[in-house]
Amino acid sequence: MRKEVLIAVVAGSLLGLTIAFGIWRANVALSPKSTAQAPTSTPPQTQVNGLTIAQPNDFEVITENPMDLTGITSLGYLVVVSGEDEDYFLRPSEDGAFSAEVELIEGANQIIVWAFDEGGNSVEKRLTLALSTEFAKVVSSPTPTSEDSQEATDSVREKVQEKVSAARSSPKFVMGSITDKQENTLEVKTQSGEIAQVSASDELTTIIKIDKTKREVKYTDVAIGDFILAMGFQNGNGVLDARRVLISQPLEPTTRRVILGKITDVQKTQIGVESLNGQENLTFSDNKNLSVYLESEGEIEEIDFADLEAEQKVAVIGDTQEEKFVARSILVLPQ
């Protein structure tokens, strides 16, 4: 499995982020005490104390790969982005802005973003996204309009079309198990336990079943108990008007996490790491899926596990396998 690690040193403010956050910076201070809300006219943002994701939005359908992920943080030492297959290490700019091109896999993606200060303290934000390059055809398909109509009617139509275009520019998805099925409506219990309504039909919805193969099926083939990822546009009643539905296995919550620490012990095939905040002492073993990198003067190079040394400062990304934290990416940071 190929691993790519990106070191991004942002020299100045990013124009796009400046626009997205201009109003927000004037009203919200990045501190735990802040309770101000962003004005309704600003773009949707995903925020936790000290970390804001400008784009993409949670539960958004992505139609291009790689996607642009942008944000801002008050913890300006290191930002780590972990995707399904790739990990990215970013250096925020002086004003806390960061961005990365993140590779996604087809279907559901669990993306985690962490921001660290120099003491190893961190905040995190998790995003659930859906990648469908086929869905791009739905987003870009034009809506017919009448050329010959009265001025008042044109004005109303134009406003309606603006709302439709805005909705189409931000497709959403619902993911979960089907609990009820009607003629053209599905009731879906999401993984958070909420009940969502999805409208679907053979005329407007492409339904793909994924098991050992991938094949298109009919609405009649959809059954109660199926786990689906339905992509479409939400109407005013909160019902998702599905244009593409994937039937697949349930998505298991990711156990990926990152630790920022210092190497305390080095053996031939394993290292001991103590977190900088002193809360964890972990042991990591070399494995076939592990990639090790060294950052030096803003550049990065791949090194061997045997090159790791005691007292080095490292960022380790991994996940829990059989109750053991297994590393998949290690970055040696400048001292």
C-alpha atoms as a PDB file:
ATOM      1  CA  MET A   1       0.000   0.000   0.000  1.00  0.00           C
ATOM      2  CA  ARG A   2       1.539   3.304  -1.036  1.00  0.00           C
ATOM      3  CA  LYS A   3       1.815   5.930   1.671  1.00  0.00           C
ATOM      4  CA  GLU A   4       2.295   9.612   0.947  1.00  0.00           C
ATOM      5  CA  VAL A   5       3.110  12.234   3.561  1.00  0.00           C
ATOM      6  CA  LEU A   6       2.859  15.907   2.765  1.00  0.00           C
ATOM      7  CA  ILE A   7       4.786  18.631   4.582  1.00  0.00           C
ATOM      8  CA  ALA A   8       3.177  21.952   3.784  1.00  0.00           C
ATOM      9  CA  VAL A   9       4.864  25.133   4.977  1.00  0.00           C
ATOM     10  CA  VAL A  10       2.449  27.925   4.155  1.00  0.00           C
ATOM     11  CA  ALA A  11       4.390  31.153   3.641  1.00  0.00           C
ATOM     12  CA  GLY A  12       1.552  33.627   3.940  1.00  0.00           C
ATOM     13  CA  SER A  13      -2.183  33.968   4.340  1.00  0.00           C
ATOM     14  CA  LEU A  14      -4.265  31.947   1.925  1.00  0.00           C
ATOM     15  CA  LEU A  15      -6.583  34.173  -0.076  1.00  0.00           C
ATOM     16  CA  GLY A  16      -9.443  31.702  -0.080  1.00  0.00           C
ATOM     17  CA  LEU A  17      -9.262  31.203   3.673  1.00  0.00           C
ATOM     18  CA  THR A  18      -9.021  34.957   4.236  1.00  0.00           C
ATOM     19  CA  ILE A  19     -12.326  35.402   2.430  1.00  0.00           C
ATOM     20  CA  ALA A  20     -13.972  32.437   4.157  1.00  0.00           C
ATOM     21  CA  PHE A  21     -12.851  33.457   7.614  1.00  0.00           C
ATOM     22  CA  GLY A  22     -12.861  37.271   7.347  1.00  0.00           C
ATOM     23  CA  ILE A  23     -16.182  37.765   9.095  1.00  0.00           C
ATOM     24  CA  TRP A  24     -15.590  34.811  11.400  1.00  0.00           C
ATOM     25  CA  ARG A  25     -12.259  36.125  12.720  1.00  0.00           C
ATOM     26  CA  ALA A  26     -13.883  39.414  13.597  1.00  0.00           C
ATOM     27  CA  ASN A  27     -16.492  37.708  15.777  1.00  0.00           C
ATOM     28  CA  VAL A  28     -15.004  34.489  17.102  1.00  0.00           C
ATOM     29  CA  ALA A  29     -11.797  34.117  19.081  1.00  0.00           C
ATOM     30  CA  LEU A  30     -10.216  30.689  18.942  1.00  0.00           C
ATOM     31  CA  SER A  31     -10.350  29.963  22.656  1.00  0.00           C
ATOM     32  CA  PRO A  32     -12.368  27.645  24.897  1.00  0.00           C
ATOM     33  CA  LYS A  33     -14.159  30.703  26.356  1.00  0.00           C
ATOM     34  CA  SER A  34     -15.560  31.845  23.003  1.00  0.00           C
ATOM     35  CA  THR A  35     -19.321  31.398  22.573  1.00  0.00           C
ATOM     36  CA  ALA A  36     -19.961  33.701  19.603  1.00  0.00           C
ATOM     37  CA  GLN A  37     -21.622  32.200  16.551  1.00  0.00           C
ATOM     38  CA  ALA A  38     -20.669  32.880  12.940  1.00  0.00           C
ATOM     39  CA  PRO A  39     -23.183  35.006  10.991  1.00  0.00           C
ATOM     40  CA  THR A  40     -25.642  33.091   8.859  1.00  0.00           C
ATOM     41  CA  SER A  41     -24.233  34.733   5.726  1.00  0.00           C
ATOM     42  CA  THR A  42     -20.850  33.047   6.102  1.00  0.00           C
ATOM     43  CA  PRO A  43     -20.084  29.661   4.514  1.00  0.00           C
ATOM     44  CA  PRO A  44     -20.842  26.570   6.652  1.00  0.00           C
ATOM     45  CA  GLN A  45     -17.862  25.651   8.812  1.00  0.00           C
ATOM     46  CA  THR A  46     -17.046  22.718  11.039  1.00  0.00           C
ATOM     47  CA  GLN A  47     -15.577  24.032  14.297  1.00  0.00           C
ATOM     48  CA  VAL A  48     -14.253  22.767  17.592  1.00  0.00           C
ATOM     49  CA  ASN A  49     -12.314  24.859  20.090  1.00  0.00           C
ATOM     50  CA  GLY A  50      -9.042  25.837  18.434  1.00  0.00           C
ATOM     51  CA  LEU A  51      -9.782  24.151  15.086  1.00  0.00           C
ATOM     52  CA  THR A  52     -12.116  25.084  12.240  1.00  0.00           C
ATOM     53  CA  ILE A  53     -12.532  23.206   8.960  1.00  0.00           C
ATOM     54  CA  ALA A  54     -13.609  25.606   6.200  1.00  0.00           C
ATOM     55  CA  GLN A  55     -14.093  22.905   3.598  1.00  0.00           C
ATOM     56  CA  PRO A  56     -15.381  20.310   3.034  1.00  0.00           C
ATOM     57  CA  ASN A  57     -18.489  20.088   5.195  1.00  0.00           C
ATOM     58  CA  ASP A  58     -19.342  16.991   7.199  1.00  0.00           C
ATOM     59  CA  PHE A  59     -21.497  14.490   5.259  1.00  0.00           C
ATOM     60  CA  GLU A  60     -20.734  16.173   1.946  1.00  0.00           C
ATOM     61  CA  VAL A  61     -20.556  14.294  -1.349  1.00  0.00           C
ATOM     62  CA  ILE A  62     -17.183  14.853  -3.023  1.00  0.00           C
ATOM     63  CA  THR A  63     -17.027  14.516  -6.805  1.00  0.00           C
ATOM     64  CA  GLU A  64     -13.322  15.204  -7.456  1.00  0.00           C
ATOM     65  CA  ASN A  65     -10.280  13.332  -6.186  1.00  0.00           C
ATOM     66  CA  PRO A  66      -8.059  14.465  -4.564  1.00  0.00           C
ATOM     67  CA  MET A  67     -10.166  16.982  -2.672  1.00  0.00           C
ATOM     68  CA  ASP A  68      -9.073  20.279  -1.131  1.00  0.00           C
ATOM     69  CA  LEU A  69      -9.243  20.419   2.671  1.00  0.00           C
ATOM     70  CA  THR A  70      -8.726  23.842   4.246  1.00  0.00           C
ATOM     71  CA  GLY A  71      -8.950  25.149   7.779  1.00  0.00           C
ATOM     72  CA  ILE A  72      -7.503  27.321  10.504  1.00  0.00           C
ATOM     73  CA  THR A  73      -6.207  26.587  13.992  1.00  0.00           C
ATOM     74  CA  SER A  74      -4.922  28.410  17.047  1.00  0.00           C
ATOM     75  CA  LEU A  75      -2.666  25.452  17.866  1.00  0.00           C
ATOM     76  CA  GLY A  76      -0.058  26.435  15.323  1.00  0.00           C
ATOM     77  CA  TYR A  77       2.659  23.806  15.761  1.00  0.00           C
ATOM     78  CA  LEU A  78       1.448  20.873  13.658  1.00  0.00           C
ATOM     79  CA  VAL A  79      -1.689  19.735  11.838  1.00  0.00           C
ATOM     80  CA  VAL A  80      -2.182  16.059  10.990  1.00  0.00           C
ATOM     81  CA  VAL A  81      -4.774  14.862   8.475  1.00  0.00           C
ATOM     82  CA  SER A  82      -5.511  11.143   8.255  1.00  0.00           C
ATOM     83  CA  GLY A  83      -7.490   9.641   5.384  1.00  0.00           C
ATOM     84  CA  GLU A  84      -8.476   6.067   4.660  1.00  0.00           C
ATOM     85  CA  ASP A  85      -5.135   5.249   3.009  1.00  0.00           C
ATOM     86  CA  GLU A  86      -2.958   8.359   3.274  1.00  0.00           C
ATOM     87  CA  ASP A  87      -1.642  10.576   6.063  1.00  0.00           C
ATOM     88  CA  TYR A  88      -0.617  14.232   5.787  1.00  0.00           C
ATOM     89  CA  PHE A  89       1.521  16.344   8.126  1.00  0.00           C
ATOM     90  CA  LEU A  90       1.050  20.103   7.724  1.00  0.00           C
ATOM     91  CA  ARG A  91       2.717  23.220   9.085  1.00  0.00           C
ATOM     92  CA  PRO A  92       0.149  26.018   9.527  1.00  0.00           C
ATOM     93  CA  SER A  93       0.970  29.567   8.437  1.00  0.00           C
ATOM     94  CA  GLU A  94       1.562  32.304  11.008  1.00  0.00           C
ATOM     95  CA  ASP A  95      -2.169  33.058  11.160  1.00  0.00           C
ATOM     96  CA  GLY A  96      -3.014  29.364  11.586  1.00  0.00           C
ATOM     97  CA  ALA A  97      -4.237  28.630   8.057  1.00  0.00           C
ATOM     98  CA  PHE A  98      -3.569  25.234   6.506  1.00  0.00           C
ATOM     99  CA  SER A  99      -4.574  23.290   3.408  1.00  0.00           C
ATOM    100  CA  ALA A 100      -3.978  19.881   1.846  1.00  0.00           C
ATOM    101  CA  GLU A 101      -4.991  17.839  -1.171  1.00  0.00           C
ATOM    102  CA  VAL A 102      -6.408  14.675   0.366  1.00  0.00           C
ATOM    103  CA  GLU A 103      -6.800  11.412  -1.528  1.00  0.00           C
ATOM    104  CA  LEU A 104     -10.118   9.634  -0.984  1.00  0.00           C
ATOM    105  CA  ILE A 105     -11.411   6.157  -1.753  1.00  0.00           C
ATOM    106  CA  GLU A 106     -14.647   5.512  -3.642  1.00  0.00           C
ATOM    107  CA  GLY A 107     -17.617   5.478  -1.279  1.00  0.00           C
ATOM    108  CA  ALA A 108     -17.499   6.414   2.411  1.00  0.00           C
ATOM    109  CA  ASN A 109     -14.402   8.082   3.896  1.00  0.00           C
ATOM    110  CA  GLN A 110     -13.609   8.852   7.523  1.00  0.00           C
ATOM    111  CA  ILE A 111     -11.224  11.808   7.696  1.00  0.00           C
ATOM    112  CA  ILE A 112      -9.633  12.929  10.969  1.00  0.00           C
ATOM    113  CA  VAL A 113      -7.883  16.270  11.499  1.00  0.00           C
ATOM    114  CA  TRP A 114      -5.746  16.963  14.575  1.00  0.00           C
ATOM    115  CA  ALA A 115      -4.062  20.228  15.561  1.00  0.00           C
ATOM    116  CA  PHE A 116      -1.187  20.231  18.078  1.00  0.00           C
ATOM    117  CA  ASP A 117       0.661  22.802  20.119  1.00  0.00           C
ATOM    118  CA  GLU A 118       4.340  22.320  20.984  1.00  0.00           C
ATOM    119  CA  GLY A 119       3.441  20.651  24.272  1.00  0.00           C
ATOM    120  CA  GLY A 120       1.585  17.838  22.539  1.00  0.00           C
ATOM    121  CA  ASN A 121      -1.885  19.065  23.500  1.00  0.00           C
ATOM    122  CA  SER A 122      -4.375  18.624  20.690  1.00  0.00           C
ATOM    123  CA  VAL A 123      -7.888  19.106  19.375  1.00  0.00           C
ATOM    124  CA  GLU A 124      -9.476  16.996  16.665  1.00  0.00           C
ATOM    125  CA  LYS A 125     -12.318  17.056  14.183  1.00  0.00           C
ATOM    126  CA  ARG A 126     -13.768  14.060  12.336  1.00  0.00           C
ATOM    127  CA  LEU A 127     -15.470  14.263   8.966  1.00  0.00           C
ATOM    128  CA  THR A 128     -17.493  11.594   7.188  1.00  0.00           C
ATOM    129  CA  LEU A 129     -17.455  12.137   3.428  1.00  0.00           C
ATOM    130  CA  ALA A 130     -18.584  10.241   0.352  1.00  0.00           C
ATOM    131  CA  LEU A 131     -16.579  10.173  -2.877  1.00  0.00           C
ATOM    132  CA  SER A 132     -18.449   9.547  -6.116  1.00  0.00           C
ATOM    133  CA  THR A 133     -16.936  10.723  -9.380  1.00  0.00           C
ATOM    134  CA  GLU A 134     -20.093   9.470 -11.116  1.00  0.00           C
ATOM    135  CA  PHE A 135     -22.164  11.878  -9.032  1.00  0.00           C
ATOM    136  CA  ALA A 136     -20.386  14.776 -10.761  1.00  0.00           C
ATOM    137  CA  LYS A 137     -22.657  14.153 -13.756  1.00  0.00           C
ATOM    138  CA  VAL A 138     -25.703  14.784 -11.560  1.00  0.00           C
ATOM    139  CA  VAL A 139     -24.289  17.987 -10.069  1.00  0.00           C
ATOM    140  CA  SER A 140     -23.340  19.433 -13.460  1.00  0.00           C
ATOM    141  CA  SER A 141     -26.544  18.510 -15.316  1.00  0.00           C
ATOM    142  CA  PRO A 142     -28.386  21.704 -16.338  1.00  0.00           C
ATOM    143  CA  THR A 143     -31.907  22.578 -15.277  1.00  0.00           C
ATOM    144  CA  PRO A 144     -34.065  23.709 -18.236  1.00  0.00           C
ATOM    145  CA  THR A 145     -35.550  27.224 -18.106  1.00  0.00           C
ATOM    146  CA  SER A 146     -38.125  29.046 -20.254  1.00  0.00           C
ATOM    147  CA  GLU A 147     -36.906  31.885 -22.459  1.00  0.00           C
ATOM    148  CA  ASP A 148     -40.334  33.368 -23.100  1.00  0.00           C
ATOM    149  CA  SER A 149     -42.076  34.416 -19.914  1.00  0.00           C
ATOM    150  CA  GLN A 150     -43.206  37.558 -18.188  1.00  0.00           C
ATOM    151  CA  GLU A 151     -40.718  39.640 -16.213  1.00  0.00           C
ATOM    152  CA  ALA A 152     -42.337  38.878 -12.849  1.00  0.00           C
ATOM    153  CA  THR A 153     -42.355  35.154 -13.575  1.00  0.00           C
ATOM    154  CA  ASP A 154     -38.732  35.337 -14.674  1.00  0.00           C
ATOM    155  CA  SER A 155     -37.806  37.003 -11.398  1.00  0.00           C
ATOM    156  CA  VAL A 156     -39.488  34.294  -9.325  1.00  0.00           C
ATOM    157  CA  ARG A 157     -37.996  31.553 -11.459  1.00  0.00           C
ATOM    158  CA  GLU A 158     -34.554  33.120 -11.134  1.00  0.00           C
ATOM    159  CA  LYS A 159     -34.760  33.161  -7.338  1.00  0.00           C
ATOM    160  CA  VAL A 160     -35.985  29.573  -7.249  1.00  0.00           C
ATOM    161  CA  GLN A 161     -33.228  28.551  -9.635  1.00  0.00           C
ATOM    162  CA  GLU A 162     -30.650  30.235  -7.407  1.00  0.00           C
ATOM    163  CA  LYS A 163     -31.841  28.145  -4.456  1.00  0.00           C
ATOM    164  CA  VAL A 164     -31.837  24.978  -6.552  1.00  0.00           C
ATOM    165  CA  SER A 165     -28.333  25.735  -7.804  1.00  0.00           C
ATOM    166  CA  ALA A 166     -27.135  26.367  -4.261  1.00  0.00           C
ATOM    167  CA  ALA A 167     -28.589  23.039  -3.117  1.00  0.00           C
ATOM    168  CA  ARG A 168     -27.077  21.215  -6.072  1.00  0.00           C
ATOM    169  CA  SER A 169     -23.661  22.698  -5.380  1.00  0.00           C
ATOM    170  CA  SER A 170     -23.625  20.985  -1.985  1.00  0.00           C
ATOM    171  CA  PRO A 171     -24.972  17.440  -2.329  1.00  0.00           C
ATOM    172  CA  LYS A 172     -25.363  15.431   0.875  1.00  0.00           C
ATOM    173  CA  PHE A 173     -25.625  11.774   1.782  1.00  0.00           C
ATOM    174  CA  VAL A 174     -27.363   9.518   4.266  1.00  0.00           C
ATOM    175  CA  MET A 175     -25.677   6.347   5.492  1.00  0.00           C
ATOM    176  CA  GLY A 176     -27.195   3.576   7.555  1.00  0.00           C
ATOM    177  CA  SER A 177     -29.483   0.535   7.636  1.00  0.00           C
ATOM    178  CA  ILE A 178     -32.916   0.466   6.015  1.00  0.00           C
ATOM    179  CA  THR A 179     -35.648  -0.001   8.621  1.00  0.00           C
ATOM    180  CA  ASP A 180     -38.691   0.508   6.380  1.00  0.00           C
ATOM    181  CA  LYS A 181     -39.451   0.572   2.655  1.00  0.00           C
ATOM    182  CA  GLN A 182     -42.412   2.137   0.865  1.00  0.00           C
ATOM    183  CA  GLU A 183     -43.146   2.623  -2.840  1.00  0.00           C
ATOM    184  CA  ASN A 184     -40.579   5.385  -3.373  1.00  0.00           C
ATOM    185  CA  THR A 185     -39.369   6.079   0.152  1.00  0.00           C
ATOM    186  CA  LEU A 186     -36.788   4.466   2.396  1.00  0.00           C
ATOM    187  CA  GLU A 187     -36.505   4.925   6.148  1.00  0.00           C
ATOM    188  CA  VAL A 188     -32.866   4.726   7.220  1.00  0.00           C
ATOM    189  CA  LYS A 189     -31.424   4.429  10.719  1.00  0.00           C
ATOM    190  CA  THR A 190     -28.075   6.203  10.661  1.00  0.00           C
ATOM    191  CA  GLN A 191     -25.048   5.071  12.635  1.00  0.00           C
ATOM    192  CA  SER A 192     -25.744   7.861  15.121  1.00  0.00           C
ATOM    193  CA  GLY A 193     -29.199   6.358  15.778  1.00  0.00           C
ATOM    194  CA  GLU A 194     -31.223   9.007  13.954  1.00  0.00           C
ATOM    195  CA  ILE A 195     -33.987   8.194  11.463  1.00  0.00           C
ATOM    196  CA  ALA A 196     -33.654   9.720   7.982  1.00  0.00           C
ATOM    197  CA  GLN A 197     -36.033   9.692   5.026  1.00  0.00           C
ATOM    198  CA  VAL A 198     -34.723   8.951   1.526  1.00  0.00           C
ATOM    199  CA  SER A 199     -36.737   9.130  -1.685  1.00  0.00           C
ATOM    200  CA  ALA A 200     -35.613   6.866  -4.535  1.00  0.00           C
ATOM    201  CA  SER A 201     -36.945   5.442  -7.784  1.00  0.00           C
ATOM    202  CA  ASP A 202     -35.703   3.531 -10.808  1.00  0.00           C
ATOM    203  CA  GLU A 203     -36.397   6.589 -12.983  1.00  0.00           C
ATOM    204  CA  LEU A 204     -34.225   9.048 -11.032  1.00  0.00           C
ATOM    205  CA  THR A 205     -31.900   6.918  -8.904  1.00  0.00           C
ATOM    206  CA  THR A 206     -28.937   4.765  -9.887  1.00  0.00           C
ATOM    207  CA  ILE A 207     -28.627   1.902  -7.397  1.00  0.00           C
ATOM    208  CA  ILE A 208     -25.350  -0.017  -7.172  1.00  0.00           C
ATOM    209  CA  LYS A 209     -24.870  -3.189  -5.119  1.00  0.00           C
ATOM    210  CA  ILE A 210     -21.322  -3.870  -3.966  1.00  0.00           C
ATOM    211  CA  ASP A 211     -20.345  -7.322  -2.717  1.00  0.00           C
ATOM    212  CA  LYS A 212     -17.727  -9.400  -4.514  1.00  0.00           C
ATOM    213  CA  THR A 213     -18.593  -7.433  -7.638  1.00  0.00           C
ATOM    214  CA  LYS A 214     -20.241  -4.095  -8.382  1.00  0.00           C
ATOM    215  CA  ARG A 215     -23.499  -4.172 -10.340  1.00  0.00           C
ATOM    216  CA  GLU A 216     -26.517  -1.980 -10.949  1.00  0.00           C
ATOM    217  CA  VAL A 217     -29.811  -3.195  -9.461  1.00  0.00           C
ATOM    218  CA  LYS A 218     -33.438  -2.054  -9.326  1.00  0.00           C
ATOM    219  CA  TYR A 219     -35.368  -0.421  -6.492  1.00  0.00           C
ATOM    220  CA  THR A 220     -37.210  -3.713  -5.997  1.00  0.00           C
ATOM    221  CA  ASP A 221     -33.856  -5.331  -5.111  1.00  0.00           C
ATOM    222  CA  VAL A 222     -33.403  -2.988  -2.148  1.00  0.00           C
ATOM    223  CA  ALA A 223     -34.433  -4.690   1.098  1.00  0.00           C
ATOM    224  CA  ILE A 224     -35.020  -3.851   4.741  1.00  0.00           C
ATOM    225  CA  GLY A 225     -31.779  -4.451   6.617  1.00  0.00           C
ATOM    226  CA  ASP A 226     -29.538  -3.371   3.724  1.00  0.00           C
ATOM    227  CA  PHE A 227     -26.779  -0.925   4.614  1.00  0.00           C
ATOM    228  CA  ILE A 228     -26.818   1.927   2.122  1.00  0.00           C
ATOM    229  CA  LEU A 229     -25.030   5.141   1.268  1.00  0.00           C
ATOM    230  CA  ALA A 230     -27.584   7.369  -0.465  1.00  0.00           C
ATOM    231  CA  MET A 231     -26.323  10.504  -2.226  1.00  0.00           C
ATOM    232  CA  GLY A 232     -28.547  13.339  -3.358  1.00  0.00           C
ATOM    233  CA  PHE A 233     -30.068  16.695  -2.487  1.00  0.00           C
ATOM    234  CA  GLN A 234     -32.058  17.498   0.629  1.00  0.00           C
ATOM    235  CA  ASN A 235     -35.450  19.103   0.049  1.00  0.00           C
ATOM    236  CA  GLY A 236     -37.283  21.558   2.270  1.00  0.00           C
ATOM    237  CA  ASN A 237     -38.880  18.743   4.268  1.00  0.00           C
ATOM    238  CA  GLY A 238     -35.528  17.238   5.202  1.00  0.00           C
ATOM    239  CA  VAL A 239     -35.976  14.282   2.830  1.00  0.00           C
ATOM    240  CA  LEU A 240     -32.927  13.283   0.809  1.00  0.00           C
ATOM    241  CA  ASP A 241     -33.809  13.084  -2.877  1.00  0.00           C
ATOM    242  CA  ALA A 242     -31.386  10.283  -3.798  1.00  0.00           C
ATOM    243  CA  ARG A 243     -29.676  10.236  -7.183  1.00  0.00           C
ATOM    244  CA  ARG A 244     -27.165   7.489  -6.427  1.00  0.00           C
ATOM    245  CA  VAL A 245     -27.380   4.697  -3.832  1.00  0.00           C
ATOM    246  CA  LEU A 246     -24.651   2.235  -2.892  1.00  0.00           C
ATOM    247  CA  ILE A 247     -25.589  -1.008  -1.106  1.00  0.00           C
ATOM    248  CA  SER A 248     -22.563  -2.323   0.783  1.00  0.00           C
ATOM    249  CA  GLN A 249     -21.243  -3.652   4.067  1.00  0.00           C
ATOM    250  CA  PRO A 250     -21.670  -1.417   7.167  1.00  0.00           C
ATOM    251  CA  LEU A 251     -18.950   1.151   7.763  1.00  0.00           C
ATOM    252  CA  GLU A 252     -16.946   0.353  10.890  1.00  0.00           C
ATOM    253  CA  PRO A 253     -15.896   3.413  12.940  1.00  0.00           C
ATOM    254  CA  THR A 254     -12.207   4.099  12.468  1.00  0.00           C
ATOM    255  CA  THR A 255      -9.764   3.573  15.332  1.00  0.00           C
ATOM    256  CA  ARG A 256      -7.078   5.764  13.761  1.00  0.00           C
ATOM    257  CA  ARG A 257      -5.329   8.197  16.076  1.00  0.00           C
ATOM    258  CA  VAL A 258      -2.081  10.127  16.384  1.00  0.00           C
ATOM    259  CA  ILE A 259       0.404  10.600  19.198  1.00  0.00           C
ATOM    260  CA  LEU A 260       2.989  13.375  19.401  1.00  0.00           C
ATOM    261  CA  GLY A 261       5.860  12.284  21.580  1.00  0.00           C
ATOM    262  CA  LYS A 262       9.519  11.484  22.136  1.00  0.00           C
ATOM    263  CA  ILE A 263      11.286   8.179  21.546  1.00  0.00           C
ATOM    264  CA  THR A 264      12.370   6.764  24.899  1.00  0.00           C
ATOM    265  CA  ASP A 265      13.654   3.347  23.872  1.00  0.00           C
ATOM    266  CA  VAL A 266      14.971   1.834  20.638  1.00  0.00           C
ATOM    267  CA  GLN A 267      15.179  -1.883  19.895  1.00  0.00           C
ATOM    268  CA  LYS A 268      15.832  -3.656  16.603  1.00  0.00           C
ATOM    269  CA  THR A 269      12.180  -3.925  15.593  1.00  0.00           C
ATOM    270  CA  GLN A 270      10.353  -1.684  18.056  1.00  0.00           C
ATOM    271  CA  ILE A 271      10.482   1.699  19.764  1.00  0.00           C
ATOM    272  CA  GLY A 272       9.012   3.133  22.941  1.00  0.00           C
ATOM    273  CA  VAL A 273       7.326   6.536  22.749  1.00  0.00           C
ATOM    274  CA  GLU A 274       6.155   8.806  25.566  1.00  0.00           C
ATOM    275  CA  SER A 275       3.609  11.446  24.615  1.00  0.00           C
ATOM    276  CA  LEU A 276       4.750  15.040  25.074  1.00  0.00           C
ATOM    277  CA  ASN A 277       1.898  15.697  27.496  1.00  0.00           C
ATOM    278  CA  GLY A 278       3.043  12.735  29.607  1.00  0.00           C
ATOM    279  CA  GLN A 279      -0.288  10.907  29.411  1.00  0.00           C
ATOM    280  CA  GLU A 280       0.787   7.849  27.393  1.00  0.00           C
ATOM    281  CA  ASN A 281       3.687   5.432  27.049  1.00  0.00           C
ATOM    282  CA  LEU A 282       3.373   3.214  23.987  1.00  0.00           C
ATOM    283  CA  THR A 283       5.435   0.648  22.110  1.00  0.00           C
ATOM    284  CA  PHE A 284       5.430   0.520  18.309  1.00  0.00           C
ATOM    285  CA  SER A 285       6.763  -2.360  16.238  1.00  0.00           C
ATOM    286  CA  ASP A 286       8.031  -2.300  12.682  1.00  0.00           C
ATOM    287  CA  ASN A 287       5.539  -3.762  10.181  1.00  0.00           C
ATOM    288  CA  LYS A 288       5.143  -4.156   6.428  1.00  0.00           C
ATOM    289  CA  ASN A 289       2.636  -1.294   6.146  1.00  0.00           C
ATOM    290  CA  LEU A 290       4.678   1.209   8.167  1.00  0.00           C
ATOM    291  CA  SER A 291       6.309   4.206   6.471  1.00  0.00           C
ATOM    292  CA  VAL A 292       8.901   6.295   8.326  1.00  0.00           C
ATOM    293  CA  TYR A 293       9.839   9.848   7.326  1.00  0.00           C
ATOM    294  CA  LEU A 294      12.238  12.566   8.450  1.00  0.00           C
ATOM    295  CA  GLU A 295      11.493  16.298   8.261  1.00  0.00           C
ATOM    296  CA  SER A 296      14.508  18.558   7.905  1.00  0.00           C
ATOM    297  CA  GLU A 297      14.497  22.237   6.902  1.00  0.00           C
ATOM    298  CA  GLY A 298      10.997  21.979   5.474  1.00  0.00           C
ATOM    299  CA  GLU A 299      11.864  18.966   3.331  1.00  0.00           C
ATOM    300  CA  ILE A 300      10.946  15.345   3.854  1.00  0.00           C
ATOM    301  CA  GLU A 301      12.637  12.089   3.032  1.00  0.00           C
ATOM    302  CA  GLU A 302      11.755   8.482   3.672  1.00  0.00           C
ATOM    303  CA  ILE A 303      14.042   6.661   6.079  1.00  0.00           C
ATOM    304  CA  ASP A 304      14.279   3.165   7.524  1.00  0.00           C
ATOM    305  CA  PHE A 305      12.848   2.065  10.848  1.00  0.00           C
ATOM    306  CA  ALA A 306      16.430   1.285  11.900  1.00  0.00           C
ATOM    307  CA  ASP A 307      17.305   4.995  11.528  1.00  0.00           C
ATOM    308  CA  LEU A 308      15.090   5.975  14.472  1.00  0.00           C
ATOM    309  CA  GLU A 309      16.968   7.148  17.564  1.00  0.00           C
ATOM    310  CA  ALA A 310      16.224   7.794  21.213  1.00  0.00           C
ATOM    311  CA  GLU A 311      15.190  11.354  22.143  1.00  0.00           C
ATOM    312  CA  GLN A 312      13.821  12.067  18.672  1.00  0.00           C
ATOM    313  CA  LYS A 313      10.529  13.941  18.552  1.00  0.00           C
ATOM    314  CA  VAL A 314       7.962  12.024  16.486  1.00  0.00           C
ATOM    315  CA  ALA A 315       4.372  12.076  15.290  1.00  0.00           C
ATOM    316  CA  VAL A 316       2.919   8.570  15.005  1.00  0.00           C
ATOM    317  CA  ILE A 317      -0.323   7.709  13.192  1.00  0.00           C
ATOM    318  CA  GLY A 318      -1.869   4.282  13.562  1.00  0.00           C
ATOM    319  CA  ASP A 319      -4.972   2.340  14.455  1.00  0.00           C
ATOM    320  CA  THR A 320      -6.047  -0.304  16.927  1.00  0.00           C
ATOM    321  CA  GLN A 321      -5.774  -3.880  15.693  1.00  0.00           C
ATOM    322  CA  GLU A 322      -6.638  -6.723  18.065  1.00  0.00           C
ATOM    323  CA  GLU A 323      -6.476  -4.303  21.025  1.00  0.00           C
ATOM    324  CA  LYS A 324      -2.988  -3.118  20.038  1.00  0.00           C
ATOM    325  CA  PHE A 325      -2.058   0.289  18.599  1.00  0.00           C
ATOM    326  CA  VAL A 326      -0.293  -0.424  15.282  1.00  0.00           C
ATOM    327  CA  ALA A 327       1.639   2.394  13.598  1.00  0.00           C
ATOM    328  CA  ARG A 328       1.277   3.075   9.866  1.00  0.00           C
ATOM    329  CA  SER A 329       3.133   6.435   9.548  1.00  0.00           C
ATOM    330  CA  ILE A 330       5.937   7.919  11.654  1.00  0.00           C
ATOM    331  CA  LEU A 331       7.342  11.395  11.072  1.00  0.00           C
ATOM    332  CA  VAL A 332      10.555  12.471  12.816  1.00  0.00           C
ATOM    333  CA  LEU A 333      10.197  16.171  13.655  1.00  0.00           C
ATOM    334  CA  PRO A 334      12.967  18.763  13.994  1.00  0.00           C
ATOM    335  CA  GLN A 335      14.350  19.028  17.524  1.00  0.00           C
END
